[in-house]
């Protein structure tokens, strides 16, 4: 998975399953089990140095990317985002 989660793939994931608010981003990963979500979080932390963690809600686990990583994330994915 490490090599497949490119900045372009991350941009598509955000456009499809991302919830952006004023300060941070949540990736909806309720269809995954916690072990898989932890693996994805580790990839985001190691490959892109993003500060993110696991939030568990009633429907399942979600990835929460903290505000201090948003500038780095924007630089990574902005060339691939489709404006809306």
Protein backbone atom coordinates (compact mmCIF):
# COMPACT_ATOMS: atom_id res chain seq x y z
CA UNK A 1 0.00 0.00 0.00
CA UNK A 2 2.84 2.38 0.78
CA UNK A 3 3.77 2.85 -2.90
CA UNK A 4 0.19 3.00 -4.17
CA UNK A 5 -0.91 5.96 -2.05
CA UNK A 6 0.60 8.63 -4.28
CA UNK A 7 -0.27 12.33 -3.96
CA UNK A 8 -2.64 11.89 -6.91
CA UNK A 9 -4.38 8.92 -5.28
CA UNK A 10 -4.59 10.87 -2.02
CA UNK A 11 -6.22 13.79 -3.88
CA UNK A 12 -8.82 11.47 -5.41
CA UNK A 13 -9.49 9.94 -1.99
CA UNK A 14 -10.00 13.40 -0.49
CA UNK A 15 -12.35 14.45 -3.28
CA UNK A 16 -14.39 11.28 -2.88
CA UNK A 17 -14.42 10.63 0.87
CA UNK A 18 -13.00 13.74 2.52
CA UNK A 19 -14.80 16.09 4.89
CA UNK A 20 -13.06 19.44 5.02
CA UNK A 21 -13.83 22.01 7.65
CA UNK A 22 -12.16 25.29 8.46
CA UNK A 23 -9.09 23.76 10.13
CA UNK A 24 -8.74 20.05 9.40
CA UNK A 25 -9.74 17.16 7.18
CA UNK A 26 -11.49 13.91 7.94
CA UNK A 27 -11.23 10.92 5.65
CA UNK A 28 -14.28 8.68 5.87
CA UNK A 29 -13.00 5.15 6.32
CA UNK A 30 -15.98 3.53 8.04
CA UNK A 31 -15.93 0.64 5.56
CA UNK A 32 -12.49 -0.47 6.84
CA UNK A 33 -11.62 -2.31 10.01
CA UNK A 34 -9.49 -0.50 12.59
CA UNK A 35 -6.36 -2.48 11.70
CA UNK A 36 -6.61 -1.32 8.06
CA UNK A 37 -7.23 2.30 9.09
CA UNK A 38 -4.17 2.22 11.36
CA UNK A 39 -2.13 0.96 8.41
CA UNK A 40 -3.37 3.88 6.28
CA UNK A 41 -2.59 6.34 9.08
CA UNK A 42 0.94 4.96 9.32
CA UNK A 43 1.42 5.44 5.58
CA UNK A 44 0.22 9.05 5.81
CA UNK A 45 2.54 9.69 8.76
CA UNK A 46 5.64 7.99 7.36
CA UNK A 47 5.39 8.85 3.66
CA UNK A 48 3.96 12.37 3.91
CA UNK A 49 4.76 13.42 7.49
CA UNK A 50 1.10 14.24 8.17
CA UNK A 51 -0.10 14.56 11.75
CA UNK A 52 -3.20 12.39 11.81
CA UNK A 53 -4.98 9.99 14.09
CA UNK A 54 -7.91 7.65 14.41
CA UNK A 55 -11.35 8.86 15.43
CA UNK A 56 -13.98 6.27 16.14
CA UNK A 57 -17.58 7.24 15.62
CA UNK A 58 -20.74 5.17 15.78
CA UNK A 59 -20.50 4.12 12.11
CA UNK A 60 -16.81 3.16 12.31
CA UNK A 61 -13.23 4.49 12.25
CA UNK A 62 -12.20 7.69 10.48
CA UNK A 63 -8.85 9.31 9.76
CA UNK A 64 -8.50 12.82 11.17
CA UNK A 65 -5.76 15.01 9.67
CA UNK A 66 -4.87 17.78 12.08
CA UNK A 67 -4.72 21.48 11.26
CA UNK A 68 -0.93 21.71 11.52
CA UNK A 69 -0.61 19.29 8.58
CA UNK A 70 -3.07 21.02 6.28
CA UNK A 71 -0.50 23.26 4.57
CA UNK A 72 1.70 20.26 3.76
CA UNK A 73 -1.33 18.29 2.57
CA UNK A 74 -2.49 21.13 0.32
CA UNK A 75 0.96 21.35 -1.29
CA UNK A 76 0.88 17.60 -1.98
CA UNK A 77 -2.57 17.29 -3.48
CA UNK A 78 -3.46 20.70 -4.94
CA UNK A 79 -2.12 19.92 -8.45
CA UNK A 80 -4.60 17.02 -8.67
CA UNK A 81 -7.72 18.52 -7.10
CA UNK A 82 -10.63 19.33 -9.37
CA UNK A 83 -12.11 22.74 -8.49
CA UNK A 84 -15.77 22.76 -7.54
